[in-house]
Amino acid sequence: MVKLDSLQLQQMSQDPIQGLLDFIYPKDFRTRFLLPYKDGYKTILVEDIQYFYSEFKLTHAKLKCGTVEIVPQTLEELEQQLNPKVFSVPIDNL
């Protein structure tokens, strides 16, 4: 038997069919990026990324080690692909 917490029940009550579908088939979020590097590729884990930002129509990922990588996705695409519990959209620019 599966027990639902209050957040899951609240989400299901807003749209019961979509809530059940999300519970049965949880969404898989991106866990890494494969980026071109010299003559090959390099892998960047999502857990190694501090934040994303856009500048001059390019999307950048600032890594926890201090380096910056360009990613081919837009911020809107990343918003759909990344776990909102880890990355969230800022409400305002502080």
PDB file of N, CA and C in Angstrom:
ATOM      1  N   MET A   1       0.836  -1.177   0.000  1.00  0.00           N
ATOM      2  CA  MET A   1       0.000   0.000   0.000  1.00  0.00           C
ATOM      3  C   MET A   1       0.881   1.241   0.000  1.00  0.00           C
ATOM      4  N   VAL A   2       0.506   2.258  -0.765  1.00  0.00           N
ATOM      5  CA  VAL A   2       1.276   3.485  -0.898  1.00  0.00           C
ATOM      6  C   VAL A   2       0.612   4.583  -0.089  1.00  0.00           C
ATOM      7  N   LYS A   3       1.404   5.299   0.721  1.00  0.00           N
ATOM      8  CA  LYS A   3       0.894   6.422   1.498  1.00  0.00           C
ATOM      9  C   LYS A   3       1.280   7.719   0.800  1.00  0.00           C
ATOM     10  N   LEU A   4       0.362   8.647   0.741  1.00  0.00           N
ATOM     11  CA  LEU A   4       0.607   9.941   0.122  1.00  0.00           C
ATOM     12  C   LEU A   4       0.776  10.993   1.208  1.00  0.00           C
ATOM     13  N   ASP A   5       1.754  11.888   1.021  1.00  0.00           N
ATOM     14  CA  ASP A   5       1.895  12.983   1.980  1.00  0.00           C
ATOM     15  C   ASP A   5       0.951  14.119   1.603  1.00  0.00           C
ATOM     16  N   SER A   6       0.870  15.132   2.444  1.00  0.00           N
ATOM     17  CA  SER A   6      -0.091  16.222   2.233  1.00  0.00           C
ATOM     18  C   SER A   6       0.198  17.009   0.963  1.00  0.00           C
ATOM     19  N   LEU A   7       1.477  17.186   0.603  1.00  0.00           N
ATOM     20  CA  LEU A   7       1.815  17.910  -0.622  1.00  0.00           C
ATOM     21  C   LEU A   7       1.325  17.151  -1.841  1.00  0.00           C
ATOM     22  N   GLN A   8       1.507  15.846  -1.859  1.00  0.00           N
ATOM     23  CA  GLN A   8       1.036  15.041  -2.980  1.00  0.00           C
ATOM     24  C   GLN A   8      -0.484  15.101  -3.078  1.00  0.00           C
ATOM     25  N   LEU A   9      -1.168  15.046  -1.949  1.00  0.00           N
ATOM     26  CA  LEU A   9      -2.627  15.136  -1.963  1.00  0.00           C
ATOM     27  C   LEU A   9      -3.097  16.498  -2.460  1.00  0.00           C
ATOM     28  N   GLN A  10      -2.397  17.558  -2.063  1.00  0.00           N
ATOM     29  CA  GLN A  10      -2.751  18.908  -2.504  1.00  0.00           C
ATOM     30  C   GLN A  10      -2.566  19.040  -4.008  1.00  0.00           C
ATOM     31  N   GLN A  11      -1.458  18.517  -4.544  1.00  0.00           N
ATOM     32  CA  GLN A  11      -1.210  18.585  -5.981  1.00  0.00           C
ATOM     33  C   GLN A  11      -2.257  17.794  -6.744  1.00  0.00           C
ATOM     34  N   MET A  12      -2.656  16.639  -6.213  1.00  0.00           N
ATOM     35  CA  MET A  12      -3.651  15.823  -6.887  1.00  0.00           C
ATOM     36  C   MET A  12      -5.023  16.471  -6.845  1.00  0.00           C
ATOM     37  N   SER A  13      -5.324  17.235  -5.785  1.00  0.00           N
ATOM     38  CA  SER A  13      -6.637  17.862  -5.688  1.00  0.00           C
ATOM     39  C   SER A  13      -6.788  19.020  -6.671  1.00  0.00           C
ATOM     40  N   GLN A  14      -5.686  19.640  -7.087  1.00  0.00           N
ATOM     41  CA  GLN A  14      -5.758  20.737  -8.045  1.00  0.00           C
ATOM     42  C   GLN A  14      -6.137  20.223  -9.424  1.00  0.00           C
ATOM     43  N   ASP A  15      -5.559  19.126  -9.853  1.00  0.00           N
ATOM     44  CA  ASP A  15      -5.879  18.467 -11.111  1.00  0.00           C
ATOM     45  C   ASP A  15      -5.726  16.972 -10.867  1.00  0.00           C
ATOM     46  N   PRO A  16      -6.809  16.301 -10.463  1.00  0.00           N
ATOM     47  CA  PRO A  16      -6.695  14.919 -10.000  1.00  0.00           C
ATOM     48  C   PRO A  16      -6.078  13.959 -11.021  1.00  0.00           C
ATOM     49  N   ILE A  17      -6.450  14.079 -12.264  1.00  0.00           N
ATOM     50  CA  ILE A  17      -5.923  13.149 -13.273  1.00  0.00           C
ATOM     51  C   ILE A  17      -4.433  13.387 -13.479  1.00  0.00           C
ATOM     52  N   GLN A  18      -4.032  14.648 -13.648  1.00  0.00           N
ATOM     53  CA  GLN A  18      -2.609  14.947 -13.836  1.00  0.00           C
ATOM     54  C   GLN A  18      -1.824  14.590 -12.581  1.00  0.00           C
ATOM     55  N   GLY A  19      -2.392  14.814 -11.407  1.00  0.00           N
ATOM     56  CA  GLY A  19      -1.730  14.464 -10.157  1.00  0.00           C
ATOM     57  C   GLY A  19      -1.459  12.972 -10.056  1.00  0.00           C
ATOM     58  N   LEU A  20      -2.447  12.161 -10.437  1.00  0.00           N
ATOM     59  CA  LEU A  20      -2.249  10.707 -10.432  1.00  0.00           C
ATOM     60  C   LEU A  20      -1.209  10.278 -11.452  1.00  0.00           C
ATOM     61  N   LEU A  21      -1.244  10.881 -12.629  1.00  0.00           N
ATOM     62  CA  LEU A  21      -0.249  10.545 -13.655  1.00  0.00           C
ATOM     63  C   LEU A  21       1.162  10.907 -13.196  1.00  0.00           C
ATOM     64  N   ASP A  22       1.306  12.059 -12.559  1.00  0.00           N
ATOM     65  CA  ASP A  22       2.617  12.473 -12.055  1.00  0.00           C
ATOM     66  C   ASP A  22       3.100  11.547 -10.944  1.00  0.00           C
ATOM     67  N   PHE A  23       2.165  11.062 -10.140  1.00  0.00           N
ATOM     68  CA  PHE A  23       2.535  10.151  -9.054  1.00  0.00           C
ATOM     69  C   PHE A  23       2.947   8.784  -9.611  1.00  0.00           C
ATOM     70  N   ILE A  24       2.203   8.292 -10.583  1.00  0.00           N
ATOM     71  CA  ILE A  24       2.491   6.970 -11.159  1.00  0.00           C
ATOM     72  C   ILE A  24       3.732   7.021 -12.038  1.00  0.00           C
ATOM     73  N   TYR A  25       3.850   8.060 -12.843  1.00  0.00           N
ATOM     74  CA  TYR A  25       4.990   8.224 -13.753  1.00  0.00           C
ATOM     75  C   TYR A  25       5.747   9.492 -13.393  1.00  0.00           C
ATOM     76  N   PRO A  26       6.604   9.444 -12.369  1.00  0.00           N
ATOM     77  CA  PRO A  26       7.322  10.669 -11.979  1.00  0.00           C
ATOM     78  C   PRO A  26       8.233  11.151 -13.106  1.00  0.00           C
ATOM     79  N   LYS A  27       8.364  12.458 -13.180  1.00  0.00           N
ATOM     80  CA  LYS A  27       9.180  13.064 -14.236  1.00  0.00           C
ATOM     81  C   LYS A  27      10.659  12.872 -13.919  1.00  0.00           C
ATOM     82  N   ASP A  28      11.401  12.451 -14.925  1.00  0.00           N
ATOM     83  CA  ASP A  28      12.848  12.317 -14.778  1.00  0.00           C
ATOM     84  C   ASP A  28      13.498  13.642 -15.157  1.00  0.00           C
ATOM     85  N   PHE A  29      14.341  14.131 -14.273  1.00  0.00           N
ATOM     86  CA  PHE A  29      15.013  15.392 -14.530  1.00  0.00           C
ATOM     87  C   PHE A  29      16.428  15.137 -15.011  1.00  0.00           C
ATOM     88  N   ARG A  30      16.970  16.095 -15.710  1.00  0.00           N
ATOM     89  CA  ARG A  30      18.330  16.005 -16.224  1.00  0.00           C
ATOM     90  C   ARG A  30      19.317  15.893 -15.063  1.00  0.00           C
ATOM     91  N   THR A  31      20.308  14.995 -15.217  1.00  0.00           N
ATOM     92  CA  THR A  31      21.317  14.817 -14.171  1.00  0.00           C
ATOM     93  C   THR A  31      22.710  15.224 -14.631  1.00  0.00           C
ATOM     94  N   ARG A  32      22.892  15.428 -15.943  1.00  0.00           N
ATOM     95  CA  ARG A  32      24.211  15.811 -16.463  1.00  0.00           C
ATOM     96  C   ARG A  32      24.064  16.481 -17.825  1.00  0.00           C
ATOM     97  N   PHE A  33      25.106  17.149 -18.222  1.00  0.00           N
ATOM     98  CA  PHE A  33      25.189  17.787 -19.536  1.00  0.00           C
ATOM     99  C   PHE A  33      26.399  17.215 -20.261  1.00  0.00           C
ATOM    100  N   LEU A  34      26.251  16.941 -21.530  1.00  0.00           N
ATOM    101  CA  LEU A  34      27.355  16.505 -22.378  1.00  0.00           C
ATOM    102  C   LEU A  34      27.689  17.682 -23.289  1.00  0.00           C
ATOM    103  N   LEU A  35      28.841  18.299 -23.061  1.00  0.00           N
ATOM    104  CA  LEU A  35      29.215  19.512 -23.774  1.00  0.00           C
ATOM    105  C   LEU A  35      30.418  19.266 -24.664  1.00  0.00           C
ATOM    106  N   PRO A  36      30.428  19.870 -25.856  1.00  0.00           N
ATOM    107  CA  PRO A  36      31.603  19.721 -26.722  1.00  0.00           C
ATOM    108  C   PRO A  36      32.841  20.321 -26.065  1.00  0.00           C
ATOM    109  N   TYR A  37      33.964  19.621 -26.200  1.00  0.00           N
ATOM    110  CA  TYR A  37      35.206  20.070 -25.590  1.00  0.00           C
ATOM    111  C   TYR A  37      36.371  19.601 -26.444  1.00  0.00           C
ATOM    112  N   LYS A  38      37.118  20.533 -27.012  1.00  0.00           N
ATOM    113  CA  LYS A  38      38.251  20.241 -27.893  1.00  0.00           C
ATOM    114  C   LYS A  38      37.827  19.251 -28.970  1.00  0.00           C
ATOM    115  N   ASP A  39      38.437  18.072 -29.020  1.00  0.00           N
ATOM    116  CA  ASP A  39      38.110  17.091 -30.048  1.00  0.00           C
ATOM    117  C   ASP A  39      37.078  16.071 -29.586  1.00  0.00           C
ATOM    118  N   GLY A  40      36.458  16.286 -28.460  1.00  0.00           N
ATOM    119  CA  GLY A  40      35.499  15.326 -27.922  1.00  0.00           C
ATOM    120  C   GLY A  40      34.410  16.011 -27.134  1.00  0.00           C
ATOM    121  N   TYR A  41      34.055  15.395 -26.038  1.00  0.00           N
ATOM    122  CA  TYR A  41      33.003  15.911 -25.176  1.00  0.00           C
ATOM    123  C   TYR A  41      33.430  15.810 -23.729  1.00  0.00           C
ATOM    124  N   LYS A  42      32.785  16.619 -22.889  1.00  0.00           N
ATOM    125  CA  LYS A  42      32.989  16.466 -21.454  1.00  0.00           C
ATOM    126  C   LYS A  42      31.635  16.480 -20.769  1.00  0.00           C
ATOM    127  N   THR A  43      31.584  15.779 -19.652  1.00  0.00           N
ATOM    128  CA  THR A  43      30.348  15.653 -18.898  1.00  0.00           C
ATOM    129  C   THR A  43      30.382  16.581 -17.693  1.00  0.00           C
ATOM    130  N   ILE A  44      29.306  17.327 -17.517  1.00  0.00           N
ATOM    131  CA  ILE A  44      29.133  18.192 -16.356  1.00  0.00           C
ATOM    132  C   ILE A  44      27.917  17.674 -15.598  1.00  0.00           C
ATOM    133  N   LEU A  45      28.107  17.307 -14.344  1.00  0.00           N
ATOM    134  CA  LEU A  45      26.985  16.855 -13.514  1.00  0.00           C
ATOM    135  C   LEU A  45      26.182  18.051 -13.017  1.00  0.00           C
ATOM    136  N   VAL A  46      24.884  17.897 -12.954  1.00  0.00           N
ATOM    137  CA  VAL A  46      24.009  18.974 -12.485  1.00  0.00           C
ATOM    138  C   VAL A  46      24.383  19.374 -11.060  1.00  0.00           C
ATOM    139  N   GLU A  47      24.788  18.415 -10.244  1.00  0.00           N
ATOM    140  CA  GLU A  47      25.150  18.725  -8.859  1.00  0.00           C
ATOM    141  C   GLU A  47      26.400  19.590  -8.751  1.00  0.00           C
ATOM    142  N   ASP A  48      27.183  19.692  -9.841  1.00  0.00           N
ATOM    143  CA  ASP A  48      28.380  20.533  -9.847  1.00  0.00           C
ATOM    144  C   ASP A  48      28.099  21.959 -10.326  1.00  0.00           C
ATOM    145  N   ILE A  49      26.841  22.243 -10.678  1.00  0.00           N
ATOM    146  CA  ILE A  49      26.465  23.561 -11.206  1.00  0.00           C
ATOM    147  C   ILE A  49      25.876  24.403 -10.081  1.00  0.00           C
ATOM    148  N   GLN A  50      26.398  25.611  -9.954  1.00  0.00           N
ATOM    149  CA  GLN A  50      25.914  26.523  -8.919  1.00  0.00           C
ATOM    150  C   GLN A  50      24.670  27.270  -9.392  1.00  0.00           C
ATOM    151  N   TYR A  51      24.734  27.822 -10.615  1.00  0.00           N
ATOM    152  CA  TYR A  51      23.578  28.517 -11.175  1.00  0.00           C
ATOM    153  C   TYR A  51      23.763  28.698 -12.673  1.00  0.00           C
ATOM    154  N   PHE A  52      22.678  29.097 -13.352  1.00  0.00           N
ATOM    155  CA  PHE A  52      22.683  29.392 -14.785  1.00  0.00           C
ATOM    156  C   PHE A  52      22.359  30.870 -14.972  1.00  0.00           C
ATOM    157  N   TYR A  53      22.879  31.430 -16.047  1.00  0.00           N
ATOM    158  CA  TYR A  53      22.508  32.799 -16.403  1.00  0.00           C
ATOM    159  C   TYR A  53      22.640  32.971 -17.909  1.00  0.00           C
ATOM    160  N   SER A  54      21.982  33.973 -18.425  1.00  0.00           N
ATOM    161  CA  SER A  54      22.005  34.249 -19.854  1.00  0.00           C
ATOM    162  C   SER A  54      22.658  35.603 -20.080  1.00  0.00           C
ATOM    163  N   GLU A  55      23.530  35.658 -21.086  1.00  0.00           N
ATOM    164  CA  GLU A  55      24.229  36.901 -21.406  1.00  0.00           C
ATOM    165  C   GLU A  55      24.535  36.902 -22.900  1.00  0.00           C
ATOM    166  N   PHE A  56      24.157  37.954 -23.580  1.00  0.00           N
ATOM    167  CA  PHE A  56      24.389  38.087 -25.022  1.00  0.00           C
ATOM    168  C   PHE A  56      23.833  36.889 -25.793  1.00  0.00           C
ATOM    169  N   LYS A  57      22.619  36.477 -25.437  1.00  0.00           N
ATOM    170  CA  LYS A  57      21.900  35.379 -26.085  1.00  0.00           C
ATOM    171  C   LYS A  57      22.588  34.020 -25.947  1.00  0.00           C
ATOM    172  N   LEU A  58      23.469  33.869 -24.973  1.00  0.00           N
ATOM    173  CA  LEU A  58      24.105  32.586 -24.669  1.00  0.00           C
ATOM    174  C   LEU A  58      23.754  32.218 -23.233  1.00  0.00           C
ATOM    175  N   THR A  59      23.559  30.935 -22.981  1.00  0.00           N
ATOM    176  CA  THR A  59      23.273  30.462 -21.634  1.00  0.00           C
ATOM    177  C   THR A  59      24.545  29.896 -21.032  1.00  0.00           C
ATOM    178  N   HIS A  60      24.859  30.352 -19.838  1.00  0.00           N
ATOM    179  CA  HIS A  60      26.084  29.945 -19.151  1.00  0.00           C
ATOM    180  C   HIS A  60      25.731  29.165 -17.890  1.00  0.00           C
ATOM    181  N   ALA A  61      26.594  28.202 -17.554  1.00  0.00           N
ATOM    182  CA  ALA A  61      26.475  27.469 -16.294  1.00  0.00           C
ATOM    183  C   ALA A  61      27.696  27.801 -15.458  1.00  0.00           C
ATOM    184  N   LYS A  62      27.489  28.397 -14.304  1.00  0.00           N
ATOM    185  CA  LYS A  62      28.579  28.698 -13.377  1.00  0.00           C
ATOM    186  C   LYS A  62      28.756  27.479 -12.488  1.00  0.00           C
ATOM    187  N   LEU A  63      29.929  26.861 -12.546  1.00  0.00           N
ATOM    188  CA  LEU A  63      30.193  25.661 -11.769  1.00  0.00           C
ATOM    189  C   LEU A  63      30.681  26.016 -10.379  1.00  0.00           C
ATOM    190  N   LYS A  64      30.534  25.093  -9.448  1.00  0.00           N
ATOM    191  CA  LYS A  64      30.949  25.318  -8.064  1.00  0.00           C
ATOM    192  C   LYS A  64      32.459  25.491  -7.948  1.00  0.00           C
ATOM    193  N   CYS A  65      33.213  24.955  -8.906  1.00  0.00           N
ATOM    194  CA  CYS A  65      34.667  25.106  -8.880  1.00  0.00           C
ATOM    195  C   CYS A  65      35.108  26.479  -9.399  1.00  0.00           C
ATOM    196  N   GLY A  66      34.159  27.288  -9.909  1.00  0.00           N
ATOM    197  CA  GLY A  66      34.477  28.642 -10.348  1.00  0.00           C
ATOM    198  C   GLY A  66      34.520  28.831 -11.851  1.00  0.00           C
ATOM    199  N   THR A  67      34.549  27.758 -12.632  1.00  0.00           N
ATOM    200  CA  THR A  67      34.583  27.898 -14.080  1.00  0.00           C
ATOM    201  C   THR A  67      33.188  28.149 -14.633  1.00  0.00           C
ATOM    202  N   VAL A  68      33.139  28.631 -15.869  1.00  0.00           N
ATOM    203  CA  VAL A  68      31.877  28.908 -16.546  1.00  0.00           C
ATOM    204  C   VAL A  68      31.858  28.121 -17.849  1.00  0.00           C
ATOM    205  N   GLU A  69      30.753  27.440 -18.114  1.00  0.00           N
ATOM    206  CA  GLU A  69      30.575  26.670 -19.344  1.00  0.00           C
ATOM    207  C   GLU A  69      29.362  27.197 -20.087  1.00  0.00           C
ATOM    208  N   ILE A  70      29.413  27.168 -21.411  1.00  0.00           N
ATOM    209  CA  ILE A  70      28.261  27.545 -22.225  1.00  0.00           C
ATOM    210  C   ILE A  70      27.448  26.292 -22.491  1.00  0.00           C
ATOM    211  N   VAL A  71      26.140  26.372 -22.250  1.00  0.00           N
ATOM    212  CA  VAL A  71      25.244  25.256 -22.524  1.00  0.00           C
ATOM    213  C   VAL A  71      24.318  25.642 -23.676  1.00  0.00           C
ATOM    214  N   PRO A  72      23.953  24.672 -24.520  1.00  0.00           N
ATOM    215  CA  PRO A  72      23.164  25.015 -25.713  1.00  0.00           C
ATOM    216  C   PRO A  72      21.686  25.284 -25.455  1.00  0.00           C
ATOM    217  N   GLN A  73      21.175  24.972 -24.282  1.00  0.00           N
ATOM    218  CA  GLN A  73      19.763  25.170 -23.985  1.00  0.00           C
ATOM    219  C   GLN A  73      19.498  26.605 -23.541  1.00  0.00           C
ATOM    220  N   THR A  74      18.256  27.040 -23.738  1.00  0.00           N
ATOM    221  CA  THR A  74      17.837  28.340 -23.223  1.00  0.00           C
ATOM    222  C   THR A  74      17.457  28.181 -21.754  1.00  0.00           C
ATOM    223  N   LEU A  75      17.320  29.291 -21.047  1.00  0.00           N
ATOM    224  CA  LEU A  75      16.894  29.228 -19.650  1.00  0.00           C
ATOM    225  C   LEU A  75      15.499  28.617 -19.523  1.00  0.00           C
ATOM    226  N   GLU A  76      14.632  28.889 -20.493  1.00  0.00           N
ATOM    227  CA  GLU A  76      13.284  28.324 -20.475  1.00  0.00           C
ATOM    228  C   GLU A  76      13.334  26.807 -20.633  1.00  0.00           C
ATOM    229  N   GLU A  77      14.191  26.307 -21.504  1.00  0.00           N
ATOM    230  CA  GLU A  77      14.337  24.859 -21.678  1.00  0.00           C
ATOM    231  C   GLU A  77      14.909  24.218 -20.412  1.00  0.00           C
ATOM    232  N   LEU A  78      15.886  24.876 -19.799  1.00  0.00           N
ATOM    233  CA  LEU A  78      16.478  24.355 -18.571  1.00  0.00           C
ATOM    234  C   LEU A  78      15.456  24.302 -17.445  1.00  0.00           C
ATOM    235  N   GLU A  79      14.565  25.263 -17.409  1.00  0.00           N
ATOM    236  CA  GLU A  79      13.534  25.299 -16.379  1.00  0.00           C
ATOM    237  C   GLU A  79      12.661  24.043 -16.438  1.00  0.00           C
ATOM    238  N   GLN A  80      12.413  23.536 -17.637  1.00  0.00           N
ATOM    239  CA  GLN A  80      11.608  22.330 -17.808  1.00  0.00           C
ATOM    240  C   GLN A  80      12.415  21.060 -17.531  1.00  0.00           C
ATOM    241  N   GLN A  81      13.730  21.103 -17.748  1.00  0.00           N
ATOM    242  CA  GLN A  81      14.566  19.905 -17.665  1.00  0.00           C
ATOM    243  C   GLN A  81      15.168  19.662 -16.286  1.00  0.00           C
ATOM    244  N   LEU A  82      15.246  20.701 -15.453  1.00  0.00           N
ATOM    245  CA  LEU A  82      15.925  20.583 -14.163  1.00  0.00           C
ATOM    246  C   LEU A  82      14.934  20.470 -13.019  1.00  0.00           C
ATOM    247  N   ASN A  83      15.353  19.791 -11.979  1.00  0.00           N
ATOM    248  CA  ASN A  83      14.512  19.591 -10.799  1.00  0.00           C
ATOM    249  C   ASN A  83      14.301  20.934 -10.089  1.00  0.00           C
ATOM    250  N   PRO A  84      13.050  21.369  -9.952  1.00  0.00           N
ATOM    251  CA  PRO A  84      12.804  22.663  -9.303  1.00  0.00           C
ATOM    252  C   PRO A  84      13.184  22.684  -7.827  1.00  0.00           C
ATOM    253  N   LYS A  85      13.368  21.522  -7.204  1.00  0.00           N
ATOM    254  CA  LYS A  85      13.810  21.487  -5.811  1.00  0.00           C
ATOM    255  C   LYS A  85      15.287  21.850  -5.699  1.00  0.00           C
ATOM    256  N   VAL A  86      16.030  21.700  -6.797  1.00  0.00           N
ATOM    257  CA  VAL A  86      17.446  22.020  -6.818  1.00  0.00           C
ATOM    258  C   VAL A  86      17.671  23.401  -7.424  1.00  0.00           C
ATOM    259  N   PHE A  87      17.010  23.675  -8.555  1.00  0.00           N
ATOM    260  CA  PHE A  87      17.130  24.960  -9.243  1.00  0.00           C
ATOM    261  C   PHE A  87      15.757  25.599  -9.317  1.00  0.00           C
ATOM    262  N   SER A  88      15.672  26.841  -8.881  1.00  0.00           N
ATOM    263  CA  SER A  88      14.405  27.555  -8.974  1.00  0.00           C
ATOM    264  C   SER A  88      14.635  28.903  -9.651  1.00  0.00           C
ATOM    265  N   VAL A  89      13.596  29.434 -10.207  1.00  0.00           N
ATOM    266  CA  VAL A  89      13.659  30.719 -10.894  1.00  0.00           C
ATOM    267  C   VAL A  89      13.596  31.811  -9.842  1.00  0.00           C
ATOM    268  N   PRO A  90      14.554  32.774  -9.836  1.00  0.00           N
ATOM    269  CA  PRO A  90      14.507  33.849  -8.850  1.00  0.00           C
ATOM    270  C   PRO A  90      13.275  34.732  -9.069  1.00  0.00           C
ATOM    271  N   ILE A  91      12.706  35.200  -7.975  1.00  0.00           N
ATOM    272  CA  ILE A  91      11.513  36.038  -8.047  1.00  0.00           C
ATOM    273  C   ILE A  91      11.870  37.435  -8.558  1.00  0.00           C
ATOM    274  N   ASP A  92      12.975  37.961  -8.107  1.00  0.00           N
ATOM    275  CA  ASP A  92      13.436  39.260  -8.580  1.00  0.00           C
ATOM    276  C   ASP A  92      14.961  39.273  -8.590  1.00  0.00           C
ATOM    277  N   ASN A  93      15.500  40.243  -9.251  1.00  0.00           N
ATOM    278  CA  ASN A  93      16.954  40.379  -9.292  1.00  0.00           C
ATOM    279  C   ASN A  93      17.410  41.130  -8.050  1.00  0.00           C
ATOM    280  N   LEU A  94      18.168  40.446  -7.216  1.00  0.00           N
ATOM    281  CA  LEU A  94      18.623  41.083  -5.968  1.00  0.00           C
ATOM    282  C   LEU A  94      19.930  41.775  -6.163  1.00  0.00           C
TER     283      LEU A  94
END
